[in-house]
């Protein structure tokens, strides 16, 4: 196989070896290479990560598209997850320099028996709600980073715990890549952009648009001295009253360890995971400390 320049307007690699060959050519030419790992179904939030890489000095951008089975738990939406490769490729014209879109056997060959597990920052929040999730994320991201060996890789801050997990993994394994975080992109009403937002009905979508509003009100209240437990409990009640089916967590945590914060003494992070209809929505934002 080789780089495919005919299927889409953006060059396409299906195998690790083809991607590595292209990366080697770029590196020999002195290019600075960025990787933006995605599961496809691209939206402006994904595309903004390419801009983050370029603002950081990247001259070539690889966008990987792979719906990773190992990060989905039993009963989750792996089979239903939107797969829109051709549409994704159109969105990447004049933005990405290479699409890496492997199949399952390329990423997990017969007999595959290796898992990357990150302790500490994964042992809470999403790690409790989805016990196998971060092993799947760490495994596939480590494979992507080692396959491409980019200068930098960019991940969205919407999945804040994932970003911290990947930074911990890269530090621990001494993978020579800089991990950059991309700010959350939001819809006009403030809902964090997500590929799963398409699952929302019209009524659910209207309620979902209040998630960031309630989160911001709660963060501001805590900054201004409100009791953390009272403020987060009130916020959870408001979401349930709006029609959310379940709030897995709505909590204030340390920005680097994700340990619970009982009293605000420095900037923290408020994080939420809440289910409404089919999707489970994630969001987070800083909690300012004014001293």
Protein backbone atom coordinates (compact mmCIF):
# COMPACT_ATOMS: atom_id res chain seq x y z
CA UNK A 1 0.00 0.00 0.00
CA UNK A 2 0.99 3.65 -0.23
CA UNK A 3 -0.40 7.09 0.45
CA UNK A 4 -3.74 7.41 -1.38
CA UNK A 5 -4.13 10.76 -3.12
CA UNK A 6 -7.17 9.89 -5.23
CA UNK A 7 -9.99 8.91 -2.84
CA UNK A 8 -10.17 12.29 -1.11
CA UNK A 9 -8.72 15.75 -1.68
CA UNK A 10 -6.56 15.18 1.42
CA UNK A 11 -3.90 12.42 1.21
CA UNK A 12 -4.94 9.24 3.03
CA UNK A 13 -2.93 6.56 4.84
CA UNK A 14 -4.55 3.30 5.89
CA UNK A 15 -1.49 1.67 7.44
CA UNK A 16 1.01 2.67 10.10
CA UNK A 17 3.89 1.97 7.75
CA UNK A 18 2.51 4.35 5.11
CA UNK A 19 1.98 7.07 7.69
CA UNK A 20 5.50 6.58 9.05
CA UNK A 21 6.95 6.85 5.56
CA UNK A 22 5.20 10.19 5.03
CA UNK A 23 6.27 11.45 8.47
CA UNK A 24 9.88 10.47 7.76
CA UNK A 25 9.82 12.46 4.53
CA UNK A 26 8.39 15.52 6.30
CA UNK A 27 10.87 15.25 9.14
CA UNK A 28 13.79 15.06 6.71
CA UNK A 29 12.50 18.29 5.18
CA UNK A 30 12.47 19.99 8.59
CA UNK A 31 8.70 20.10 9.06
CA UNK A 32 7.12 20.27 12.52
CA UNK A 33 4.42 17.60 12.73
CA UNK A 34 1.19 17.61 14.72
CA UNK A 35 -1.24 14.77 15.34
CA UNK A 36 -4.93 15.33 16.11
CA UNK A 37 -6.48 11.99 17.15
CA UNK A 38 -10.24 11.73 16.56
CA UNK A 39 -12.98 9.14 16.17
CA UNK A 40 -14.38 11.02 13.20
CA UNK A 41 -17.83 12.63 12.90
CA UNK A 42 -15.84 15.85 12.83
CA UNK A 43 -17.22 19.21 13.93
CA UNK A 44 -15.71 22.65 14.44
CA UNK A 45 -14.39 21.60 17.84
CA UNK A 46 -12.18 18.99 16.19
CA UNK A 47 -11.10 21.38 13.44
CA UNK A 48 -10.12 24.01 16.00
CA UNK A 49 -7.53 21.57 17.36
CA UNK A 50 -5.69 21.75 14.05
CA UNK A 51 -5.55 25.53 14.46
CA UNK A 52 -4.14 25.09 17.97
CA UNK A 53 -1.36 22.94 16.51
CA UNK A 54 -0.57 25.46 13.78
CA UNK A 55 -0.55 28.32 16.27
CA UNK A 56 2.01 26.28 18.20
CA UNK A 57 4.28 26.11 15.17
CA UNK A 58 3.21 22.89 13.45
CA UNK A 59 3.71 22.95 9.69
CA UNK A 60 2.12 19.56 8.93
CA UNK A 61 -1.04 18.18 10.54
CA UNK A 62 -2.17 14.55 10.64
CA UNK A 63 -5.76 13.86 11.66
CA UNK A 64 -6.44 10.27 12.64
CA UNK A 65 -9.95 8.86 12.28
CA UNK A 66 -10.53 5.63 14.17
CA UNK A 67 -13.53 4.56 16.23
CA UNK A 68 -11.59 2.79 18.94
CA UNK A 69 -13.47 -0.28 20.24
CA UNK A 70 -11.43 -0.68 23.42
CA UNK A 71 -12.65 2.58 24.98
CA UNK A 72 -16.32 1.60 24.71
CA UNK A 73 -17.83 -0.36 27.58
CA UNK A 74 -20.60 -2.97 27.42
CA UNK A 75 -23.88 -1.44 26.28
CA UNK A 76 -22.23 1.75 24.99
CA UNK A 77 -22.69 3.12 21.47
CA UNK A 78 -19.75 1.60 19.58
CA UNK A 79 -21.89 0.13 16.80
CA UNK A 80 -24.07 3.24 16.55
CA UNK A 81 -21.24 5.78 16.76
CA UNK A 82 -21.40 7.93 13.60
CA UNK A 83 -18.91 6.97 10.92
CA UNK A 84 -18.70 9.71 8.29
CA UNK A 85 -15.24 9.38 6.77
CA UNK A 86 -16.01 10.94 3.38
CA UNK A 87 -17.73 13.95 4.96
CA UNK A 88 -14.89 14.26 7.47
CA UNK A 89 -12.36 14.30 4.64
CA UNK A 90 -14.21 17.19 2.98
CA UNK A 91 -14.00 19.19 6.20
CA UNK A 92 -10.24 18.62 6.36
CA UNK A 93 -9.47 20.14 2.95
CA UNK A 94 -6.95 22.98 3.35
CA UNK A 95 -6.66 22.11 7.05
CA UNK A 96 -5.00 18.70 7.36
CA UNK A 97 -2.04 17.39 5.39
CA UNK A 98 -2.74 13.70 5.96
CA UNK A 99 -5.65 11.57 7.15
CA UNK A 100 -4.73 8.38 8.98
CA UNK A 101 -7.74 6.06 8.88
CA UNK A 102 -6.75 2.50 9.82
CA UNK A 103 -9.08 -0.46 10.23
CA UNK A 104 -9.40 -2.47 13.41
CA UNK A 105 -6.89 -5.14 12.48
CA UNK A 106 -4.24 -2.53 11.71
CA UNK A 107 -4.52 -1.10 15.22
CA UNK A 108 -5.22 -4.40 17.01
CA UNK A 109 -3.65 -7.28 15.04
CA UNK A 110 -4.45 -10.93 15.72
CA UNK A 111 -3.14 -11.98 19.10
CA UNK A 112 -2.95 -8.42 20.41
CA UNK A 113 -2.35 -8.64 24.16
CA UNK A 114 -1.02 -5.28 25.38
CA UNK A 115 -2.94 -2.70 27.39
CA UNK A 116 -1.68 0.64 28.71
CA UNK A 117 -3.14 1.51 32.09
CA UNK A 118 -2.69 4.87 33.84
CA UNK A 119 -3.29 4.98 37.58
CA UNK A 120 -4.20 7.93 39.79
CA UNK A 121 -5.96 10.49 37.67
CA UNK A 122 -8.15 7.79 36.07
CA UNK A 123 -9.42 6.35 39.36
CA UNK A 124 -12.31 8.79 39.70
CA UNK A 125 -15.15 10.43 37.74
CA UNK A 126 -15.17 8.79 34.28
CA UNK A 127 -12.96 6.04 35.64
CA UNK A 128 -15.69 5.10 38.11
CA UNK A 129 -18.54 5.47 35.64
CA UNK A 130 -16.71 3.64 32.82
CA UNK A 131 -14.11 1.33 34.40
CA UNK A 132 -12.43 0.15 31.17
CA UNK A 133 -12.60 3.45 29.30
CA UNK A 134 -9.24 5.00 30.10
CA UNK A 135 -7.30 1.79 29.50
CA UNK A 136 -8.75 1.85 26.00
CA UNK A 137 -7.94 5.53 25.53
CA UNK A 138 -4.38 5.21 26.86
CA UNK A 139 -3.73 2.14 24.73
CA UNK A 140 -4.93 3.59 21.43
CA UNK A 141 -3.33 7.00 22.02
CA UNK A 142 0.01 5.45 22.91
CA UNK A 143 -0.17 3.42 19.69
CA UNK A 144 -1.01 6.52 17.63
CA UNK A 145 1.76 8.58 19.20
CA UNK A 146 4.35 5.85 18.73
CA UNK A 147 3.14 5.23 15.17
CA UNK A 148 3.46 8.87 14.10
CA UNK A 149 5.98 10.23 16.63
CA UNK A 150 4.71 13.78 16.07
CA UNK A 151 6.26 16.84 17.67
CA UNK A 152 2.94 17.64 19.30
CA UNK A 153 -0.52 16.15 19.67
CA UNK A 154 -3.69 18.09 20.46
CA UNK A 155 -6.69 17.00 22.56
CA UNK A 156 -9.79 18.98 23.45
CA UNK A 157 -10.35 20.23 26.98
CA UNK A 158 -13.97 19.06 26.87
CA UNK A 159 -12.62 15.62 27.78
CA UNK A 160 -10.57 17.17 30.57
CA UNK A 161 -9.83 13.94 32.44
CA UNK A 162 -8.70 12.32 29.20
CA UNK A 163 -6.30 15.22 28.58
CA UNK A 164 -4.78 14.80 32.07
CA UNK A 165 -4.54 11.03 31.56
CA UNK A 166 -2.66 11.39 28.28
CA UNK A 167 -0.27 13.94 29.77
CA UNK A 168 0.44 11.55 32.65
CA UNK A 169 1.02 8.66 30.25
CA UNK A 170 3.37 10.62 28.01
CA UNK A 171 5.36 11.79 31.03
CA UNK A 172 5.56 8.31 32.55
CA UNK A 173 6.51 6.53 29.32
CA UNK A 174 8.83 9.34 28.18
CA UNK A 175 7.13 9.52 24.81
CA UNK A 176 8.83 12.46 23.05
CA UNK A 177 5.74 14.47 22.17
CA UNK A 178 4.23 17.65 23.57
CA UNK A 179 0.56 17.32 24.54
CA UNK A 180 -1.49 20.46 23.88
CA UNK A 181 -5.00 21.21 25.11
CA UNK A 182 -7.55 22.87 22.87
CA UNK A 183 -10.24 25.15 24.40
CA UNK A 184 -13.83 23.88 24.39
CA UNK A 185 -15.78 25.08 21.36
CA UNK A 186 -19.44 25.72 22.04
CA UNK A 187 -22.69 26.06 20.13
CA UNK A 188 -24.35 29.51 20.14
CA UNK A 189 -26.24 28.64 23.34
CA UNK A 190 -23.04 27.41 24.99
CA UNK A 191 -23.48 23.63 24.68
CA UNK A 192 -20.07 22.02 24.27
CA UNK A 193 -19.69 20.66 20.73
CA UNK A 194 -19.79 16.88 20.58
CA UNK A 195 -20.34 14.25 17.90
CA UNK A 196 -23.02 12.75 20.13
CA UNK A 197 -25.14 15.91 20.20
CA UNK A 198 -26.85 14.63 17.04
CA UNK A 199 -28.62 12.06 19.23
CA UNK A 200 -30.59 14.78 21.06
CA UNK A 201 -34.27 15.36 20.28
CA UNK A 202 -35.45 18.96 19.92
CA UNK A 203 -36.73 19.05 23.51
CA UNK A 204 -33.57 17.42 24.87
CA UNK A 205 -31.40 19.79 22.88
CA UNK A 206 -33.10 22.81 24.44
CA UNK A 207 -32.52 21.45 27.95
CA UNK A 208 -28.93 20.47 27.10
CA UNK A 209 -28.21 24.08 26.22
CA UNK A 210 -28.70 24.98 29.88
CA UNK A 211 -25.97 22.64 31.10
CA UNK A 212 -23.16 25.14 30.59
CA UNK A 213 -25.28 27.96 32.00
CA UNK A 214 -25.86 26.10 35.26
CA UNK A 215 -22.22 25.05 35.41
CA UNK A 216 -21.07 28.66 34.97
CA UNK A 217 -23.53 29.94 37.60
CA UNK A 218 -22.26 27.32 40.02
CA UNK A 219 -18.61 28.09 39.36
CA UNK A 220 -19.26 31.81 39.89
CA UNK A 221 -21.17 31.16 43.10
CA UNK A 222 -18.30 29.08 44.50
CA UNK A 223 -15.79 31.75 43.50
CA UNK A 224 -17.91 34.25 45.44
CA UNK A 225 -17.88 32.12 48.58
CA UNK A 226 -20.77 29.67 48.25
CA UNK A 227 -20.44 26.33 50.03
CA UNK A 228 -19.19 23.76 47.50
CA UNK A 229 -21.47 20.91 48.54
CA UNK A 230 -24.56 23.10 48.62
CA UNK A 231 -23.78 24.78 45.30
CA UNK A 232 -23.09 21.53 43.43
CA UNK A 233 -26.15 19.82 44.95
CA UNK A 234 -28.33 22.73 43.85
CA UNK A 235 -26.89 22.54 40.34
CA UNK A 236 -27.60 18.82 40.14
CA UNK A 237 -31.20 19.43 41.22
CA UNK A 238 -31.62 22.08 38.51
CA UNK A 239 -30.43 19.66 35.82
CA UNK A 240 -32.86 16.96 36.93
CA UNK A 241 -35.68 19.51 36.97
CA UNK A 242 -34.78 20.48 33.39
CA UNK A 243 -35.29 16.89 32.26
CA UNK A 244 -31.86 15.33 32.55
CA UNK A 245 -32.29 11.62 33.32
CA UNK A 246 -29.23 11.21 35.51
CA UNK A 247 -26.25 13.18 36.77
CA UNK A 248 -23.27 10.85 37.17
CA UNK A 249 -21.25 13.59 38.80
CA UNK A 250 -21.14 17.35 39.21
CA UNK A 251 -18.11 18.16 41.28
CA UNK A 252 -15.25 20.57 41.93
CA UNK A 253 -11.78 19.04 41.62
CA UNK A 254 -8.09 19.89 41.71
CA UNK A 255 -6.96 20.99 38.25
CA UNK A 256 -4.10 18.49 37.95
CA UNK A 257 -4.92 15.53 40.24
CA UNK A 258 -8.73 15.62 40.07
CA UNK A 259 -8.85 15.05 43.81
CA UNK A 260 -12.00 16.46 45.46
CA UNK A 261 -11.85 20.07 46.63
CA UNK A 262 -13.63 20.72 49.92
CA UNK A 263 -12.73 24.40 50.23
CA UNK A 264 -11.55 26.66 47.45
CA UNK A 265 -7.94 27.69 48.07
CA UNK A 266 -6.70 28.00 44.48
CA UNK A 267 -8.16 27.73 40.99
CA UNK A 268 -10.09 24.48 40.59
CA UNK A 269 -12.19 22.78 37.92
CA UNK A 270 -15.89 22.02 37.96
CA UNK A 271 -16.78 18.92 35.93
CA UNK A 272 -20.09 17.31 35.02
CA UNK A 273 -21.34 14.19 33.28
CA UNK A 274 -25.09 14.04 32.80
CA UNK A 275 -27.36 11.86 30.69
CA UNK A 276 -30.30 13.21 28.77
CA UNK A 277 -32.06 10.92 26.31
CA UNK A 278 -29.51 8.83 24.46
CA UNK A 279 -26.28 10.85 24.92
CA UNK A 280 -24.23 11.37 28.04
CA UNK A 281 -22.94 14.93 28.01
CA UNK A 282 -19.61 16.07 29.45
CA UNK A 283 -18.58 19.62 30.28
CA UNK A 284 -16.17 21.45 32.54
CA UNK A 285 -14.83 24.90 33.24
CA UNK A 286 -12.43 26.67 35.61
CA UNK A 287 -13.48 27.83 39.06
CA UNK A 288 -11.65 31.08 39.72
CA UNK A 289 -10.04 31.72 43.10
CA UNK A 290 -9.81 35.35 44.18
CA UNK A 291 -7.98 34.89 47.45
